[in-house]
């Protein structure tokens, strides 16, 4: 039986904190996961951690920060060749762009997600 990586453990802690309404603890855990995945060379793991950080920012109403992290998340999923992760990240970015009334960006992300 394969043991989960330390990065996956940190992701799980972060998600539990986010769902429990503890954004600072979630950010810290996702930041830890991001660093661990980078050290392991796990691009999809990096993207997951960064995407979760973007979610915390989005939950907190900081769309600029959320989009910054989400755009980087998309780039990581592209580099990793992770189609399902990329589709999910594009959908979230599209929704974030919609909230900012950036319709052209939202349309591009959502179309690419649907084509994925």
PDB file of N, CA and C in Angstrom:
ATOM      1  N   UNK A   1       0.834  -1.184   0.000  1.00  0.00           N
ATOM      2  CA  UNK A   1       0.000   0.000   0.000  1.00  0.00           C
ATOM      3  C   UNK A   1       0.880   1.250   0.000  1.00  0.00           C
ATOM      4  N   UNK A   2       0.618   2.151  -0.935  1.00  0.00           N
ATOM      5  CA  UNK A   2       1.417   3.351  -1.087  1.00  0.00           C
ATOM      6  C   UNK A   2       1.007   4.403  -0.060  1.00  0.00           C
ATOM      7  N   UNK A   3       2.015   5.003   0.588  1.00  0.00           N
ATOM      8  CA  UNK A   3       1.731   6.055   1.558  1.00  0.00           C
ATOM      9  C   UNK A   3       1.542   7.379   0.831  1.00  0.00           C
ATOM     10  N   UNK A   4       0.598   8.211   1.304  1.00  0.00           N
ATOM     11  CA  UNK A   4       0.442   9.521   0.685  1.00  0.00           C
ATOM     12  C   UNK A   4       1.673  10.380   0.958  1.00  0.00           C
ATOM     13  N   UNK A   5       1.979  11.273   0.041  1.00  0.00           N
ATOM     14  CA  UNK A   5       3.129  12.149   0.217  1.00  0.00           C
ATOM     15  C   UNK A   5       2.824  13.190   1.292  1.00  0.00           C
ATOM     16  N   UNK A   6       3.873  13.816   1.772  1.00  0.00           N
ATOM     17  CA  UNK A   6       3.689  14.889   2.751  1.00  0.00           C
ATOM     18  C   UNK A   6       2.910  16.038   2.125  1.00  0.00           C
ATOM     19  N   UNK A   7       3.107  16.246   0.825  1.00  0.00           N
ATOM     20  CA  UNK A   7       2.348  17.282   0.130  1.00  0.00           C
ATOM     21  C   UNK A   7       0.854  16.999   0.157  1.00  0.00           C
ATOM     22  N   UNK A   8       0.487  15.750  -0.074  1.00  0.00           N
ATOM     23  CA  UNK A   8      -0.937  15.360  -0.039  1.00  0.00           C
ATOM     24  C   UNK A   8      -1.511  15.530   1.367  1.00  0.00           C
ATOM     25  N   UNK A   9      -0.706  15.187   2.375  1.00  0.00           N
ATOM     26  CA  UNK A   9      -1.152  15.380   3.759  1.00  0.00           C
ATOM     27  C   UNK A   9      -1.426  16.860   4.032  1.00  0.00           C
ATOM     28  N   UNK A  10      -0.517  17.721   3.576  1.00  0.00           N
ATOM     29  CA  UNK A  10      -0.692  19.163   3.778  1.00  0.00           C
ATOM     30  C   UNK A  10      -1.922  19.665   3.024  1.00  0.00           C
ATOM     31  N   UNK A  11      -2.147  19.143   1.815  1.00  0.00           N
ATOM     32  CA  UNK A  11      -3.352  19.522   1.060  1.00  0.00           C
ATOM     33  C   UNK A  11      -4.614  19.164   1.835  1.00  0.00           C
ATOM     34  N   UNK A  12      -4.636  17.970   2.390  1.00  0.00           N
ATOM     35  CA  UNK A  12      -5.812  17.532   3.156  1.00  0.00           C
ATOM     36  C   UNK A  12      -6.032  18.410   4.382  1.00  0.00           C
ATOM     37  N   UNK A  13      -4.946  18.768   5.080  1.00  0.00           N
ATOM     38  CA  UNK A  13      -5.069  19.660   6.240  1.00  0.00           C
ATOM     39  C   UNK A  13      -5.604  21.023   5.816  1.00  0.00           C
ATOM     40  N   UNK A  14      -5.092  21.515   4.700  1.00  0.00           N
ATOM     41  CA  UNK A  14      -5.541  22.811   4.200  1.00  0.00           C
ATOM     42  C   UNK A  14      -7.006  22.803   3.823  1.00  0.00           C
ATOM     43  N   UNK A  15      -7.428  21.745   3.169  1.00  0.00           N
ATOM     44  CA  UNK A  15      -8.836  21.659   2.757  1.00  0.00           C
ATOM     45  C   UNK A  15      -9.747  21.566   3.979  1.00  0.00           C
ATOM     46  N   UNK A  16      -9.328  20.815   4.992  1.00  0.00           N
ATOM     47  CA  UNK A  16     -10.126  20.726   6.222  1.00  0.00           C
ATOM     48  C   UNK A  16     -10.228  22.097   6.891  1.00  0.00           C
ATOM     49  N   UNK A  17      -9.129  22.834   6.911  1.00  0.00           N
ATOM     50  CA  UNK A  17      -9.144  24.175   7.510  1.00  0.00           C
ATOM     51  C   UNK A  17     -10.020  25.122   6.693  1.00  0.00           C
ATOM     52  N   UNK A  18      -9.924  25.054   5.362  1.00  0.00           N
ATOM     53  CA  UNK A  18     -10.747  25.923   4.506  1.00  0.00           C
ATOM     54  C   UNK A  18     -12.221  25.648   4.739  1.00  0.00           C
ATOM     55  N   UNK A  19     -12.586  24.392   4.727  1.00  0.00           N
ATOM     56  CA  UNK A  19     -13.994  24.024   4.933  1.00  0.00           C
ATOM     57  C   UNK A  19     -14.460  24.341   6.356  1.00  0.00           C
ATOM     58  N   UNK A  20     -13.510  24.381   7.294  1.00  0.00           N
ATOM     59  CA  UNK A  20     -13.831  24.708   8.677  1.00  0.00           C
ATOM     60  C   UNK A  20     -13.819  26.201   8.974  1.00  0.00           C
ATOM     61  N   UNK A  21     -13.664  27.017   7.920  1.00  0.00           N
ATOM     62  CA  UNK A  21     -13.696  28.464   8.107  1.00  0.00           C
ATOM     63  C   UNK A  21     -12.438  29.036   8.738  1.00  0.00           C
ATOM     64  N   UNK A  22     -11.300  28.408   8.481  1.00  0.00           N
ATOM     65  CA  UNK A  22     -10.023  28.866   9.025  1.00  0.00           C
ATOM     66  C   UNK A  22      -9.075  29.206   7.872  1.00  0.00           C
ATOM     67  N   UNK A  23      -9.291  30.354   7.213  1.00  0.00           N
ATOM     68  CA  UNK A  23      -8.515  30.666   6.011  1.00  0.00           C
ATOM     69  C   UNK A  23      -7.012  30.805   6.246  1.00  0.00           C
ATOM     70  N   UNK A  24      -6.599  31.348   7.375  1.00  0.00           N
ATOM     71  CA  UNK A  24      -5.158  31.504   7.614  1.00  0.00           C
ATOM     72  C   UNK A  24      -4.472  30.147   7.755  1.00  0.00           C
ATOM     73  N   UNK A  25      -5.113  29.228   8.467  1.00  0.00           N
ATOM     74  CA  UNK A  25      -4.547  27.885   8.599  1.00  0.00           C
ATOM     75  C   UNK A  25      -4.549  27.177   7.247  1.00  0.00           C
ATOM     76  N   UNK A  26      -5.597  27.407   6.463  1.00  0.00           N
ATOM     77  CA  UNK A  26      -5.662  26.811   5.127  1.00  0.00           C
ATOM     78  C   UNK A  26      -4.533  27.332   4.251  1.00  0.00           C
ATOM     79  N   UNK A  27      -4.326  28.655   4.252  1.00  0.00           N
ATOM     80  CA  UNK A  27      -3.236  29.237   3.451  1.00  0.00           C
ATOM     81  C   UNK A  27      -1.892  28.646   3.850  1.00  0.00           C
ATOM     82  N   UNK A  28      -1.671  28.527   5.153  1.00  0.00           N
ATOM     83  CA  UNK A  28      -0.393  27.981   5.626  1.00  0.00           C
ATOM     84  C   UNK A  28      -0.207  26.539   5.154  1.00  0.00           C
ATOM     85  N   UNK A  29      -1.237  25.730   5.271  1.00  0.00           N
ATOM     86  CA  UNK A  29      -1.135  24.326   4.849  1.00  0.00           C
ATOM     87  C   UNK A  29      -0.956  24.218   3.339  1.00  0.00           C
ATOM     88  N   UNK A  30      -1.683  25.037   2.570  1.00  0.00           N
ATOM     89  CA  UNK A  30      -1.533  24.994   1.114  1.00  0.00           C
ATOM     90  C   UNK A  30      -0.153  25.497   0.695  1.00  0.00           C
ATOM     91  N   UNK A  31       0.371  26.499   1.400  1.00  0.00           N
ATOM     92  CA  UNK A  31       1.728  26.968   1.125  1.00  0.00           C
ATOM     93  C   UNK A  31       2.759  25.885   1.399  1.00  0.00           C
ATOM     94  N   UNK A  32       2.561  25.149   2.483  1.00  0.00           N
ATOM     95  CA  UNK A  32       3.444  24.024   2.805  1.00  0.00           C
ATOM     96  C   UNK A  32       3.351  22.957   1.714  1.00  0.00           C
ATOM     97  N   UNK A  33       2.136  22.636   1.292  1.00  0.00           N
ATOM     98  CA  UNK A  33       1.946  21.637   0.232  1.00  0.00           C
ATOM     99  C   UNK A  33       2.639  22.079  -1.052  1.00  0.00           C
ATOM    100  N   UNK A  34       2.497  23.350  -1.396  1.00  0.00           N
ATOM    101  CA  UNK A  34       3.117  23.887  -2.605  1.00  0.00           C
ATOM    102  C   UNK A  34       4.632  23.691  -2.558  1.00  0.00           C
ATOM    103  N   UNK A  35       5.241  24.042  -1.438  1.00  0.00           N
ATOM    104  CA  UNK A  35       6.695  23.888  -1.302  1.00  0.00           C
ATOM    105  C   UNK A  35       7.110  22.417  -1.386  1.00  0.00           C
ATOM    106  N   UNK A  36       6.354  21.547  -0.742  1.00  0.00           N
ATOM    107  CA  UNK A  36       6.681  20.113  -0.774  1.00  0.00           C
ATOM    108  C   UNK A  36       6.559  19.545  -2.187  1.00  0.00           C
ATOM    109  N   UNK A  37       5.495  19.895  -2.895  1.00  0.00           N
ATOM    110  CA  UNK A  37       5.322  19.402  -4.264  1.00  0.00           C
ATOM    111  C   UNK A  37       6.422  19.934  -5.179  1.00  0.00           C
ATOM    112  N   UNK A  38       6.824  21.192  -4.978  1.00  0.00           N
ATOM    113  CA  UNK A  38       7.918  21.744  -5.790  1.00  0.00           C
ATOM    114  C   UNK A  38       9.190  20.940  -5.566  1.00  0.00           C
ATOM    115  N   UNK A  39       9.475  20.633  -4.299  1.00  0.00           N
ATOM    116  CA  UNK A  39      10.665  19.845  -3.987  1.00  0.00           C
ATOM    117  C   UNK A  39      10.601  18.468  -4.615  1.00  0.00           C
ATOM    118  N   UNK A  40       9.401  17.881  -4.662  1.00  0.00           N
ATOM    119  CA  UNK A  40       9.214  16.541  -5.229  1.00  0.00           C
ATOM    120  C   UNK A  40       9.163  16.560  -6.758  1.00  0.00           C
ATOM    121  N   UNK A  41       9.044  17.751  -7.359  1.00  0.00           N
ATOM    122  CA  UNK A  41       8.916  17.847  -8.804  1.00  0.00           C
ATOM    123  C   UNK A  41       7.551  17.416  -9.309  1.00  0.00           C
ATOM    124  N   UNK A  42       6.533  17.532  -8.470  1.00  0.00           N
ATOM    125  CA  UNK A  42       5.165  17.114  -8.800  1.00  0.00           C
ATOM    126  C   UNK A  42       4.373  18.329  -9.291  1.00  0.00           C
ATOM    127  N   UNK A  43       4.350  18.538 -10.618  1.00  0.00           N
ATOM    128  CA  UNK A  43       3.683  19.711 -11.185  1.00  0.00           C
ATOM    129  C   UNK A  43       2.182  19.716 -10.923  1.00  0.00           C
ATOM    130  N   UNK A  44       1.539  18.563 -11.040  1.00  0.00           N
ATOM    131  CA  UNK A  44       0.098  18.506 -10.773  1.00  0.00           C
ATOM    132  C   UNK A  44      -0.193  18.798  -9.303  1.00  0.00           C
ATOM    133  N   UNK A  45       0.648  18.299  -8.417  1.00  0.00           N
ATOM    134  CA  UNK A  45       0.491  18.595  -6.999  1.00  0.00           C
ATOM    135  C   UNK A  45       0.667  20.075  -6.716  1.00  0.00           C
ATOM    136  N   UNK A  46       1.688  20.683  -7.352  1.00  0.00           N
ATOM    137  CA  UNK A  46       1.889  22.130  -7.225  1.00  0.00           C
ATOM    138  C   UNK A  46       0.637  22.879  -7.667  1.00  0.00           C
ATOM    139  N   UNK A  47       0.118  22.473  -8.813  1.00  0.00           N
ATOM    140  CA  UNK A  47      -1.070  23.135  -9.353  1.00  0.00           C
ATOM    141  C   UNK A  47      -2.255  22.986  -8.404  1.00  0.00           C
ATOM    142  N   UNK A  48      -2.421  21.802  -7.835  1.00  0.00           N
ATOM    143  CA  UNK A  48      -3.523  21.599  -6.883  1.00  0.00           C
ATOM    144  C   UNK A  48      -3.380  22.521  -5.681  1.00  0.00           C
ATOM    145  N   UNK A  49      -2.176  22.593  -5.121  1.00  0.00           N
ATOM    146  CA  UNK A  49      -1.953  23.431  -3.942  1.00  0.00           C
ATOM    147  C   UNK A  49      -2.186  24.904  -4.267  1.00  0.00           C
ATOM    148  N   UNK A  50      -1.671  25.340  -5.410  1.00  0.00           N
ATOM    149  CA  UNK A  50      -1.849  26.738  -5.795  1.00  0.00           C
ATOM    150  C   UNK A  50      -3.314  27.038  -6.097  1.00  0.00           C
ATOM    151  N   UNK A  51      -3.999  26.092  -6.728  1.00  0.00           N
ATOM    152  CA  UNK A  51      -5.423  26.268  -6.994  1.00  0.00           C
ATOM    153  C   UNK A  51      -6.233  26.357  -5.711  1.00  0.00           C
ATOM    154  N   UNK A  52      -5.829  25.589  -4.697  1.00  0.00           N
ATOM    155  CA  UNK A  52      -6.520  25.670  -3.400  1.00  0.00           C
ATOM    156  C   UNK A  52      -6.253  27.024  -2.746  1.00  0.00           C
ATOM    157  N   UNK A  53      -5.013  27.531  -2.884  1.00  0.00           N
ATOM    158  CA  UNK A  53      -4.714  28.877  -2.375  1.00  0.00           C
ATOM    159  C   UNK A  53      -5.584  29.907  -3.069  1.00  0.00           C
ATOM    160  N   UNK A  54      -5.756  29.748  -4.374  1.00  0.00           N
ATOM    161  CA  UNK A  54      -6.624  30.660  -5.123  1.00  0.00           C
ATOM    162  C   UNK A  54      -8.047  30.594  -4.588  1.00  0.00           C
ATOM    163  N   UNK A  55      -8.498  29.408  -4.238  1.00  0.00           N
ATOM    164  CA  UNK A  55      -9.850  29.244  -3.695  1.00  0.00           C
ATOM    165  C   UNK A  55     -10.002  29.992  -2.371  1.00  0.00           C
ATOM    166  N   UNK A  56      -8.979  29.926  -1.521  1.00  0.00           N
ATOM    167  CA  UNK A  56      -9.018  30.656  -0.246  1.00  0.00           C
ATOM    168  C   UNK A  56      -9.120  32.154  -0.513  1.00  0.00           C
ATOM    169  N   UNK A  57      -8.331  32.643  -1.465  1.00  0.00           N
ATOM    170  CA  UNK A  57      -8.388  34.068  -1.808  1.00  0.00           C
ATOM    171  C   UNK A  57      -9.764  34.433  -2.348  1.00  0.00           C
ATOM    172  N   UNK A  58     -10.311  33.577  -3.195  1.00  0.00           N
ATOM    173  CA  UNK A  58     -11.641  33.810  -3.771  1.00  0.00           C
ATOM    174  C   UNK A  58     -12.689  33.827  -2.662  1.00  0.00           C
ATOM    175  N   UNK A  59     -12.620  32.851  -1.762  1.00  0.00           N
ATOM    176  CA  UNK A  59     -13.543  32.795  -0.626  1.00  0.00           C
ATOM    177  C   UNK A  59     -13.476  34.075   0.203  1.00  0.00           C
ATOM    178  N   UNK A  60     -12.269  34.664   0.292  1.00  0.00           N
ATOM    179  CA  UNK A  60     -12.050  35.866   1.097  1.00  0.00           C
ATOM    180  C   UNK A  60     -12.413  37.143   0.354  1.00  0.00           C
ATOM    181  N   UNK A  61     -12.786  37.011  -0.925  1.00  0.00           N
ATOM    182  CA  UNK A  61     -13.165  38.175  -1.720  1.00  0.00           C
ATOM    183  C   UNK A  61     -12.013  38.881  -2.407  1.00  0.00           C
ATOM    184  N   UNK A  62     -10.818  38.302  -2.385  1.00  0.00           N
ATOM    185  CA  UNK A  62      -9.656  38.910  -3.034  1.00  0.00           C
ATOM    186  C   UNK A  62      -9.484  38.300  -4.425  1.00  0.00           C
ATOM    187  N   UNK A  63     -10.291  38.792  -5.365  1.00  0.00           N
ATOM    188  CA  UNK A  63     -10.288  38.218  -6.718  1.00  0.00           C
ATOM    189  C   UNK A  63      -8.980  38.446  -7.455  1.00  0.00           C
ATOM    190  N   UNK A  64      -8.317  39.582  -7.203  1.00  0.00           N
ATOM    191  CA  UNK A  64      -7.045  39.826  -7.891  1.00  0.00           C
ATOM    192  C   UNK A  64      -6.020  38.761  -7.513  1.00  0.00           C
ATOM    193  N   UNK A  65      -5.914  38.474  -6.225  1.00  0.00           N
ATOM    194  CA  UNK A  65      -4.976  37.451  -5.764  1.00  0.00           C
ATOM    195  C   UNK A  65      -5.419  36.079  -6.275  1.00  0.00           C
ATOM    196  N   UNK A  66      -6.716  35.820  -6.190  1.00  0.00           N
ATOM    197  CA  UNK A  66      -7.238  34.530  -6.644  1.00  0.00           C
ATOM    198  C   UNK A  66      -6.904  34.298  -8.115  1.00  0.00           C
ATOM    199  N   UNK A  67      -7.129  35.311  -8.941  1.00  0.00           N
ATOM    200  CA  UNK A  67      -6.848  35.160 -10.373  1.00  0.00           C
ATOM    201  C   UNK A  67      -5.360  35.011 -10.646  1.00  0.00           C
ATOM    202  N   UNK A  68      -4.539  35.743  -9.916  1.00  0.00           N
ATOM    203  CA  UNK A  68      -3.091  35.606 -10.084  1.00  0.00           C
ATOM    204  C   UNK A  68      -2.674  34.154  -9.859  1.00  0.00           C
ATOM    205  N   UNK A  69      -3.130  33.580  -8.742  1.00  0.00           N
ATOM    206  CA  UNK A  69      -2.788  32.187  -8.446  1.00  0.00           C
ATOM    207  C   UNK A  69      -3.442  31.220  -9.426  1.00  0.00           C
ATOM    208  N   UNK A  70      -4.667  31.524  -9.859  1.00  0.00           N
ATOM    209  CA  UNK A  70      -5.375  30.620 -10.767  1.00  0.00           C
ATOM    210  C   UNK A  70      -4.710  30.581 -12.140  1.00  0.00           C
ATOM    211  N   UNK A  71      -4.231  31.720 -12.618  1.00  0.00           N
ATOM    212  CA  UNK A  71      -3.535  31.754 -13.910  1.00  0.00           C
ATOM    213  C   UNK A  71      -2.252  30.925 -13.834  1.00  0.00           C
ATOM    214  N   UNK A  72      -1.540  31.027 -12.716  1.00  0.00           N
ATOM    215  CA  UNK A  72      -0.338  30.208 -12.540  1.00  0.00           C
ATOM    216  C   UNK A  72      -0.701  28.725 -12.429  1.00  0.00           C
ATOM    217  N   UNK A  73      -1.825  28.439 -11.789  1.00  0.00           N
ATOM    218  CA  UNK A  73      -2.314  27.062 -11.682  1.00  0.00           C
ATOM    219  C   UNK A  73      -2.546  26.474 -13.071  1.00  0.00           C
ATOM    220  N   UNK A  74      -3.181  27.246 -13.933  1.00  0.00           N
ATOM    221  CA  UNK A  74      -3.445  26.805 -15.306  1.00  0.00           C
ATOM    222  C   UNK A  74      -2.137  26.488 -16.022  1.00  0.00           C
ATOM    223  N   UNK A  75      -1.148  27.366 -15.871  1.00  0.00           N
ATOM    224  CA  UNK A  75       0.151  27.142 -16.520  1.00  0.00           C
ATOM    225  C   UNK A  75       0.804  25.853 -16.018  1.00  0.00           C
ATOM    226  N   UNK A  76       0.708  25.596 -14.721  1.00  0.00           N
ATOM    227  CA  UNK A  76       1.291  24.365 -14.167  1.00  0.00           C
ATOM    228  C   UNK A  76       0.586  23.124 -14.707  1.00  0.00           C
ATOM    229  N   UNK A  77      -0.743  23.161 -14.762  1.00  0.00           N
ATOM    230  CA  UNK A  77      -1.474  22.010 -15.308  1.00  0.00           C
ATOM    231  C   UNK A  77      -1.115  21.789 -16.780  1.00  0.00           C
ATOM    232  N   UNK A  78      -0.927  22.865 -17.531  1.00  0.00           N
ATOM    233  CA  UNK A  78      -0.514  22.718 -18.943  1.00  0.00           C
ATOM    234  C   UNK A  78       0.842  22.014 -19.019  1.00  0.00           C
ATOM    235  N   UNK A  79       1.800  22.492 -18.214  1.00  0.00           N
ATOM    236  CA  UNK A  79       3.143  21.894 -18.222  1.00  0.00           C
ATOM    237  C   UNK A  79       3.105  20.432 -17.805  1.00  0.00           C
ATOM    238  N   UNK A  80       2.210  20.103 -16.874  1.00  0.00           N
ATOM    239  CA  UNK A  80       2.112  18.724 -16.382  1.00  0.00           C
ATOM    240  C   UNK A  80       1.375  17.816 -17.358  1.00  0.00           C
ATOM    241  N   UNK A  81       0.657  18.405 -18.325  1.00  0.00           N
ATOM    242  CA  UNK A  81      -0.152  17.599 -19.233  1.00  0.00           C
ATOM    243  C   UNK A  81      -1.352  16.982 -18.543  1.00  0.00           C
ATOM    244  N   UNK A  82      -1.849  17.652 -17.509  1.00  0.00           N
ATOM    245  CA  UNK A  82      -2.968  17.155 -16.698  1.00  0.00           C
ATOM    246  C   UNK A  82      -4.275  17.753 -17.221  1.00  0.00           C
ATOM    247  N   UNK A  83      -4.904  17.058 -18.177  1.00  0.00           N
ATOM    248  CA  UNK A  83      -6.128  17.555 -18.808  1.00  0.00           C
ATOM    249  C   UNK A  83      -7.277  17.795 -17.853  1.00  0.00           C
ATOM    250  N   UNK A  84      -7.630  16.832 -16.998  1.00  0.00           N
ATOM    251  CA  UNK A  84      -8.737  17.063 -16.062  1.00  0.00           C
ATOM    252  C   UNK A  84      -8.463  18.224 -15.102  1.00  0.00           C
ATOM    253  N   UNK A  85      -7.240  18.316 -14.600  1.00  0.00           N
ATOM    254  CA  UNK A  85      -6.888  19.430 -13.716  1.00  0.00           C
ATOM    255  C   UNK A  85      -6.982  20.758 -14.433  1.00  0.00           C
ATOM    256  N   UNK A  86      -6.494  20.788 -15.686  1.00  0.00           N
ATOM    257  CA  UNK A  86      -6.552  22.006 -16.488  1.00  0.00           C
ATOM    258  C   UNK A  86      -7.994  22.436 -16.717  1.00  0.00           C
ATOM    259  N   UNK A  87      -8.854  21.504 -17.064  1.00  0.00           N
ATOM    260  CA  UNK A  87     -10.267  21.823 -17.298  1.00  0.00           C
ATOM    261  C   UNK A  87     -10.899  22.428 -16.055  1.00  0.00           C
ATOM    262  N   UNK A  88     -10.636  21.836 -14.912  1.00  0.00           N
ATOM    263  CA  UNK A  88     -11.190  22.334 -13.645  1.00  0.00           C
ATOM    264  C   UNK A  88     -10.674  23.748 -13.352  1.00  0.00           C
ATOM    265  N   UNK A  89      -9.371  23.956 -13.541  1.00  0.00           N
ATOM    266  CA  UNK A  89      -8.770  25.266 -13.271  1.00  0.00           C
ATOM    267  C   UNK A  89      -9.303  26.331 -14.227  1.00  0.00           C
ATOM    268  N   UNK A  90      -9.488  25.965 -15.486  1.00  0.00           N
ATOM    269  CA  UNK A  90     -10.038  26.916 -16.462  1.00  0.00           C
ATOM    270  C   UNK A  90     -11.462  27.321 -16.094  1.00  0.00           C
ATOM    271  N   UNK A  91     -12.248  26.368 -15.635  1.00  0.00           N
ATOM    272  CA  UNK A  91     -13.624  26.684 -15.235  1.00  0.00           C
ATOM    273  C   UNK A  91     -13.634  27.671 -14.071  1.00  0.00           C
ATOM    274  N   UNK A  92     -12.785  27.418 -13.089  1.00  0.00           N
ATOM    275  CA  UNK A  92     -12.713  28.344 -11.953  1.00  0.00           C
ATOM    276  C   UNK A  92     -12.249  29.727 -12.399  1.00  0.00           C
ATOM    277  N   UNK A  93     -11.243  29.780 -13.256  1.00  0.00           N
ATOM    278  CA  UNK A  93     -10.767  31.075 -13.752  1.00  0.00           C
ATOM    279  C   UNK A  93     -11.880  31.794 -14.503  1.00  0.00           C
ATOM    280  N   UNK A  94     -12.630  31.060 -15.316  1.00  0.00           N
ATOM    281  CA  UNK A  94     -13.748  31.671 -16.034  1.00  0.00           C
ATOM    282  C   UNK A  94     -14.758  32.290 -15.092  1.00  0.00           C
ATOM    283  N   UNK A  95     -15.072  31.587 -14.019  1.00  0.00           N
ATOM    284  CA  UNK A  95     -16.020  32.118 -13.033  1.00  0.00           C
ATOM    285  C   UNK A  95     -15.458  33.361 -12.343  1.00  0.00           C
ATOM    286  N   UNK A  96     -14.160  33.345 -12.049  1.00  0.00           N
ATOM    287  CA  UNK A  96     -13.528  34.506 -11.412  1.00  0.00           C
ATOM    288  C   UNK A  96     -13.553  35.711 -12.347  1.00  0.00           C
ATOM    289  N   UNK A  97     -13.217  35.474 -13.622  1.00  0.00           N
ATOM    290  CA  UNK A  97     -13.261  36.568 -14.595  1.00  0.00           C
ATOM    291  C   UNK A  97     -14.679  37.119 -14.737  1.00  0.00           C
ATOM    292  N   UNK A  98     -15.677  36.250 -14.701  1.00  0.00           N
ATOM    293  CA  UNK A  98     -17.069  36.713 -14.756  1.00  0.00           C
ATOM    294  C   UNK A  98     -17.386  37.647 -13.598  1.00  0.00           C
ATOM    295  N   UNK A  99     -16.915  37.310 -12.407  1.00  0.00           N
ATOM    296  CA  UNK A  99     -17.157  38.161 -11.239  1.00  0.00           C
ATOM    297  C   UNK A  99     -16.530  39.538 -11.406  1.00  0.00           C
ATOM    298  N   UNK A 100     -15.473  39.631 -12.206  1.00  0.00           N
ATOM    299  CA  UNK A 100     -14.822  40.916 -12.461  1.00  0.00           C
ATOM    300  C   UNK A 100     -15.349  41.583 -13.736  1.00  0.00           C
ATOM    301  N   UNK A 101     -16.389  41.017 -14.338  1.00  0.00           N
ATOM    302  CA  UNK A 101     -16.947  41.518 -15.600  1.00  0.00           C
ATOM    303  C   UNK A 101     -15.916  41.568 -16.722  1.00  0.00           C
ATOM    304  N   UNK A 102     -14.970  40.655 -16.697  1.00  0.00           N
ATOM    305  CA  UNK A 102     -13.979  40.538 -17.767  1.00  0.00           C
ATOM    306  C   UNK A 102     -14.468  39.424 -18.687  1.00  0.00           C
ATOM    307  N   UNK A 103     -15.467  39.777 -19.490  1.00  0.00           N
ATOM    308  CA  UNK A 103     -16.215  38.783 -20.256  1.00  0.00           C
ATOM    309  C   UNK A 103     -15.378  38.070 -21.313  1.00  0.00           C
ATOM    310  N   UNK A 104     -14.483  38.780 -21.976  1.00  0.00           N
ATOM    311  CA  UNK A 104     -13.660  38.135 -23.005  1.00  0.00           C
ATOM    312  C   UNK A 104     -12.768  37.059 -22.377  1.00  0.00           C
ATOM    313  N   UNK A 105     -12.156  37.389 -21.239  1.00  0.00           N
ATOM    314  CA  UNK A 105     -11.308  36.412 -20.550  1.00  0.00           C
ATOM    315  C   UNK A 105     -12.137  35.227 -20.058  1.00  0.00           C
ATOM    316  N   UNK A 106     -13.306  35.530 -19.488  1.00  0.00           N
ATOM    317  CA  UNK A 106     -14.185  34.470 -18.982  1.00  0.00           C
ATOM    318  C   UNK A 106     -14.601  33.541 -20.112  1.00  0.00           C
ATOM    319  N   UNK A 107     -14.998  34.124 -21.225  1.00  0.00           N
ATOM    320  CA  UNK A 107     -15.436  33.331 -22.373  1.00  0.00           C
ATOM    321  C   UNK A 107     -14.315  32.423 -22.869  1.00  0.00           C
ATOM    322  N   UNK A 108     -13.105  32.970 -22.981  1.00  0.00           N
ATOM    323  CA  UNK A 108     -11.973  32.175 -23.466  1.00  0.00           C
ATOM    324  C   UNK A 108     -11.702  30.988 -22.539  1.00  0.00           C
ATOM    325  N   UNK A 109     -11.696  31.243 -21.234  1.00  0.00           N
ATOM    326  CA  UNK A 109     -11.432  30.155 -20.273  1.00  0.00           C
ATOM    327  C   UNK A 109     -12.530  29.103 -20.305  1.00  0.00           C
ATOM    328  N   UNK A 110     -13.769  29.554 -20.304  1.00  0.00           N
ATOM    329  CA  UNK A 110     -14.883  28.607 -20.256  1.00  0.00           C
ATOM    330  C   UNK A 110     -14.995  27.803 -21.550  1.00  0.00           C
ATOM    331  N   UNK A 111     -14.730  28.443 -22.691  1.00  0.00           N
ATOM    332  CA  UNK A 111     -14.738  27.695 -23.960  1.00  0.00           C
ATOM    333  C   UNK A 111     -13.644  26.635 -23.964  1.00  0.00           C
ATOM    334  N   UNK A 112     -12.449  27.023 -23.512  1.00  0.00           N
ATOM    335  CA  UNK A 112     -11.355  26.046 -23.490  1.00  0.00           C
ATOM    336  C   UNK A 112     -11.672  24.897 -22.530  1.00  0.00           C
ATOM    337  N   UNK A 113     -12.290  25.221 -21.401  1.00  0.00           N
ATOM    338  CA  UNK A 113     -12.670  24.170 -20.448  1.00  0.00           C
ATOM    339  C   UNK A 113     -13.667  23.208 -21.083  1.00  0.00           C
ATOM    340  N   UNK A 114     -14.625  23.736 -21.815  1.00  0.00           N
ATOM    341  CA  UNK A 114     -15.626  22.883 -22.463  1.00  0.00           C
ATOM    342  C   UNK A 114     -15.024  22.045 -23.584  1.00  0.00           C
ATOM    343  N   UNK A 115     -14.020  22.605 -24.268  1.00  0.00           N
ATOM    344  CA  UNK A 115     -13.364  21.874 -25.352  1.00  0.00           C
ATOM    345  C   UNK A 115     -12.411  20.805 -24.826  1.00  0.00           C
ATOM    346  N   UNK A 116     -11.979  20.975 -23.550  1.00  0.00           N
ATOM    347  CA  UNK A 116     -10.996  20.064 -22.949  1.00  0.00           C
ATOM    348  C   UNK A 116     -11.570  18.726 -22.734  1.00  0.00           C
TER     349      UNK A 116
END
